[in-house]
């Protein structure tokens, strides 16, 4: 007769899953930060007139 104790993942597998999830979360935040950084850099290169054309100001760039 099978017991329910054999159904659960071993403790090591759960720990590895948590570590992988943590690294995945960190990686996702770094990717998002880098995309925002690139956007801010590109927008900073635009003139005030060009920013006005797309409905932004210099102050808006810092909020991105």
N, C-alpha and C. Protein backbone atom coordinates (compact mmCIF):
# COMPACT_ATOMS: atom_id res chain seq x y z
N UNK A 1 0.84 -1.17 0.00
CA UNK A 1 0.00 0.00 0.00
C UNK A 1 0.89 1.24 0.00
N UNK A 2 0.58 2.19 -0.87
CA UNK A 2 1.37 3.43 -0.98
C UNK A 2 0.95 4.41 0.11
N UNK A 3 1.93 5.16 0.54
CA UNK A 3 1.62 6.20 1.54
C UNK A 3 1.68 7.57 0.88
N UNK A 4 1.05 8.53 1.50
CA UNK A 4 1.03 9.88 0.95
C UNK A 4 2.37 10.59 1.15
N UNK A 5 3.23 10.08 2.00
CA UNK A 5 4.51 10.70 2.26
C UNK A 5 5.41 10.69 1.03
N UNK A 6 5.18 9.77 0.11
CA UNK A 6 6.02 9.65 -1.08
C UNK A 6 5.58 10.59 -2.21
N UNK A 7 4.49 11.31 -2.03
CA UNK A 7 3.95 12.17 -3.08
C UNK A 7 4.67 13.52 -3.12
N UNK A 8 5.15 14.02 -2.01
CA UNK A 8 5.74 15.34 -1.92
C UNK A 8 7.16 15.37 -2.46
N UNK A 9 7.54 16.52 -2.99
CA UNK A 9 8.91 16.69 -3.50
C UNK A 9 9.88 16.72 -2.32
N UNK A 10 11.08 16.26 -2.55
CA UNK A 10 12.08 16.30 -1.47
C UNK A 10 12.41 17.75 -1.11
N UNK A 11 12.88 17.95 0.10
CA UNK A 11 13.19 19.28 0.60
C UNK A 11 14.19 19.99 -0.30
N UNK A 12 15.17 19.32 -0.82
CA UNK A 12 16.17 19.93 -1.69
C UNK A 12 15.56 20.50 -2.95
N UNK A 13 14.57 19.82 -3.51
CA UNK A 13 13.92 20.30 -4.73
C UNK A 13 13.17 21.60 -4.46
N UNK A 14 12.51 21.69 -3.32
CA UNK A 14 11.78 22.91 -2.98
C UNK A 14 12.75 24.07 -2.78
N UNK A 15 13.86 23.81 -2.14
CA UNK A 15 14.86 24.84 -1.91
C UNK A 15 15.44 25.33 -3.23
N UNK A 16 15.73 24.42 -4.12
CA UNK A 16 16.27 24.79 -5.44
C UNK A 16 15.24 25.63 -6.20
N UNK A 17 13.96 25.25 -6.10
CA UNK A 17 12.90 26.01 -6.77
C UNK A 17 12.86 27.44 -6.24
N UNK A 18 12.95 27.62 -4.94
CA UNK A 18 12.93 28.96 -4.36
C UNK A 18 14.15 29.78 -4.80
N UNK A 19 15.29 29.15 -4.86
CA UNK A 19 16.51 29.85 -5.29
C UNK A 19 16.39 30.26 -6.76
N UNK A 20 15.91 29.36 -7.59
CA UNK A 20 15.73 29.66 -9.02
C UNK A 20 14.70 30.78 -9.20
N UNK A 21 13.61 30.73 -8.44
CA UNK A 21 12.61 31.80 -8.52
C UNK A 21 13.20 33.14 -8.10
N UNK A 22 14.05 33.14 -7.09
CA UNK A 22 14.68 34.39 -6.64
C UNK A 22 15.58 34.95 -7.74
N UNK A 23 16.40 34.10 -8.35
CA UNK A 23 17.28 34.56 -9.43
C UNK A 23 16.48 35.02 -10.64
N UNK A 24 15.39 34.35 -10.94
CA UNK A 24 14.54 34.75 -12.05
C UNK A 24 13.93 36.12 -11.78
N UNK A 25 13.48 36.35 -10.56
CA UNK A 25 12.92 37.64 -10.20
C UNK A 25 13.95 38.75 -10.30
N UNK A 26 15.16 38.48 -9.83
CA UNK A 26 16.24 39.47 -9.92
C UNK A 26 16.56 39.76 -11.38
N UNK A 27 16.66 38.72 -12.18
CA UNK A 27 16.96 38.88 -13.61
C UNK A 27 15.89 39.72 -14.29
N UNK A 28 14.62 39.43 -13.99
CA UNK A 28 13.52 40.20 -14.59
C UNK A 28 13.60 41.67 -14.21
N UNK A 29 13.92 41.96 -12.96
CA UNK A 29 14.04 43.36 -12.52
C UNK A 29 15.20 44.05 -13.21
N UNK A 30 16.30 43.34 -13.42
CA UNK A 30 17.45 43.93 -14.12
C UNK A 30 17.10 44.23 -15.57
N UNK A 31 16.41 43.32 -16.22
CA UNK A 31 15.99 43.54 -17.61
C UNK A 31 15.07 44.74 -17.70
N UNK A 32 14.12 44.86 -16.78
CA UNK A 32 13.20 45.99 -16.77
C UNK A 32 13.95 47.30 -16.51
N UNK A 33 14.88 47.29 -15.55
CA UNK A 33 15.67 48.49 -15.26
C UNK A 33 16.49 48.92 -16.48
N UNK A 34 17.09 47.95 -17.16
CA UNK A 34 17.92 48.28 -18.33
C UNK A 34 17.07 48.86 -19.46
N UNK A 35 15.88 48.33 -19.66
CA UNK A 35 15.00 48.88 -20.70
C UNK A 35 14.61 50.31 -20.36
N UNK A 36 14.31 50.57 -19.10
CA UNK A 36 13.98 51.94 -18.67
C UNK A 36 15.18 52.86 -18.84
N UNK A 37 16.35 52.37 -18.52
CA UNK A 37 17.58 53.17 -18.66
C UNK A 37 17.80 53.56 -20.11
N UNK A 38 17.63 52.60 -21.02
CA UNK A 38 17.80 52.88 -22.44
C UNK A 38 16.78 53.90 -22.94
N UNK A 39 15.53 53.75 -22.48
CA UNK A 39 14.49 54.69 -22.87
C UNK A 39 14.81 56.09 -22.38
N UNK A 40 15.23 56.20 -21.12
CA UNK A 40 15.58 57.51 -20.57
C UNK A 40 16.73 58.13 -21.35
N UNK A 41 17.73 57.34 -21.70
CA UNK A 41 18.87 57.86 -22.46
C UNK A 41 18.45 58.36 -23.84
N UNK A 42 17.60 57.60 -24.51
CA UNK A 42 17.14 58.02 -25.84
C UNK A 42 16.29 59.28 -25.75
N UNK A 43 15.40 59.35 -24.77
CA UNK A 43 14.56 60.54 -24.62
C UNK A 43 15.38 61.75 -24.23
N UNK A 44 16.44 61.55 -23.47
CA UNK A 44 17.29 62.67 -23.06
C UNK A 44 18.00 63.30 -24.25
N UNK A 45 18.20 62.54 -25.30
CA UNK A 45 18.86 63.06 -26.50
C UNK A 45 17.94 63.92 -27.36
N UNK A 46 16.62 63.85 -27.10
CA UNK A 46 15.67 64.63 -27.89
C UNK A 46 15.68 66.09 -27.45
N UNK A 47 15.32 66.97 -28.38
CA UNK A 47 15.21 68.39 -28.05
C UNK A 47 13.90 68.62 -27.29
N UNK A 48 13.79 69.79 -26.66
CA UNK A 48 12.56 70.13 -25.95
C UNK A 48 11.37 70.16 -26.89
N UNK A 49 11.58 70.62 -28.11
CA UNK A 49 10.52 70.66 -29.11
C UNK A 49 10.05 69.25 -29.47
N UNK A 50 11.00 68.35 -29.66
CA UNK A 50 10.64 66.97 -29.97
C UNK A 50 9.90 66.30 -28.81
N UNK A 51 10.35 66.58 -27.59
CA UNK A 51 9.65 66.04 -26.42
C UNK A 51 8.23 66.58 -26.35
N UNK A 52 8.07 67.86 -26.64
CA UNK A 52 6.74 68.47 -26.63
C UNK A 52 5.83 67.82 -27.67
N UNK A 53 6.40 67.45 -28.81
CA UNK A 53 5.63 66.80 -29.87
C UNK A 53 5.04 65.46 -29.41
N UNK A 54 5.74 64.77 -28.53
CA UNK A 54 5.24 63.47 -28.05
C UNK A 54 4.59 63.60 -26.67
N UNK A 55 4.43 64.84 -26.21
CA UNK A 55 3.69 65.07 -24.97
C UNK A 55 4.48 64.85 -23.70
N UNK A 56 5.79 65.03 -23.77
CA UNK A 56 6.65 64.84 -22.59
C UNK A 56 7.43 66.09 -22.28
N UNK A 57 7.90 66.18 -21.05
CA UNK A 57 8.83 67.24 -20.66
C UNK A 57 10.08 66.58 -20.10
N UNK A 58 11.09 67.36 -19.85
CA UNK A 58 12.32 66.81 -19.27
C UNK A 58 12.05 66.16 -17.89
N UNK A 59 11.12 66.75 -17.15
CA UNK A 59 10.79 66.20 -15.84
C UNK A 59 10.13 64.82 -15.95
N UNK A 60 9.40 64.60 -17.04
CA UNK A 60 8.75 63.30 -17.24
C UNK A 60 9.75 62.18 -17.47
N UNK A 61 10.88 62.50 -18.05
CA UNK A 61 11.89 61.49 -18.36
C UNK A 61 12.38 60.81 -17.09
N UNK A 62 12.58 61.59 -16.03
CA UNK A 62 13.07 61.02 -14.78
C UNK A 62 12.07 60.07 -14.14
N UNK A 63 10.79 60.22 -14.46
CA UNK A 63 9.76 59.38 -13.87
C UNK A 63 9.63 58.03 -14.56
N UNK A 64 10.27 57.87 -15.69
CA UNK A 64 10.16 56.61 -16.44
C UNK A 64 11.01 55.52 -15.84
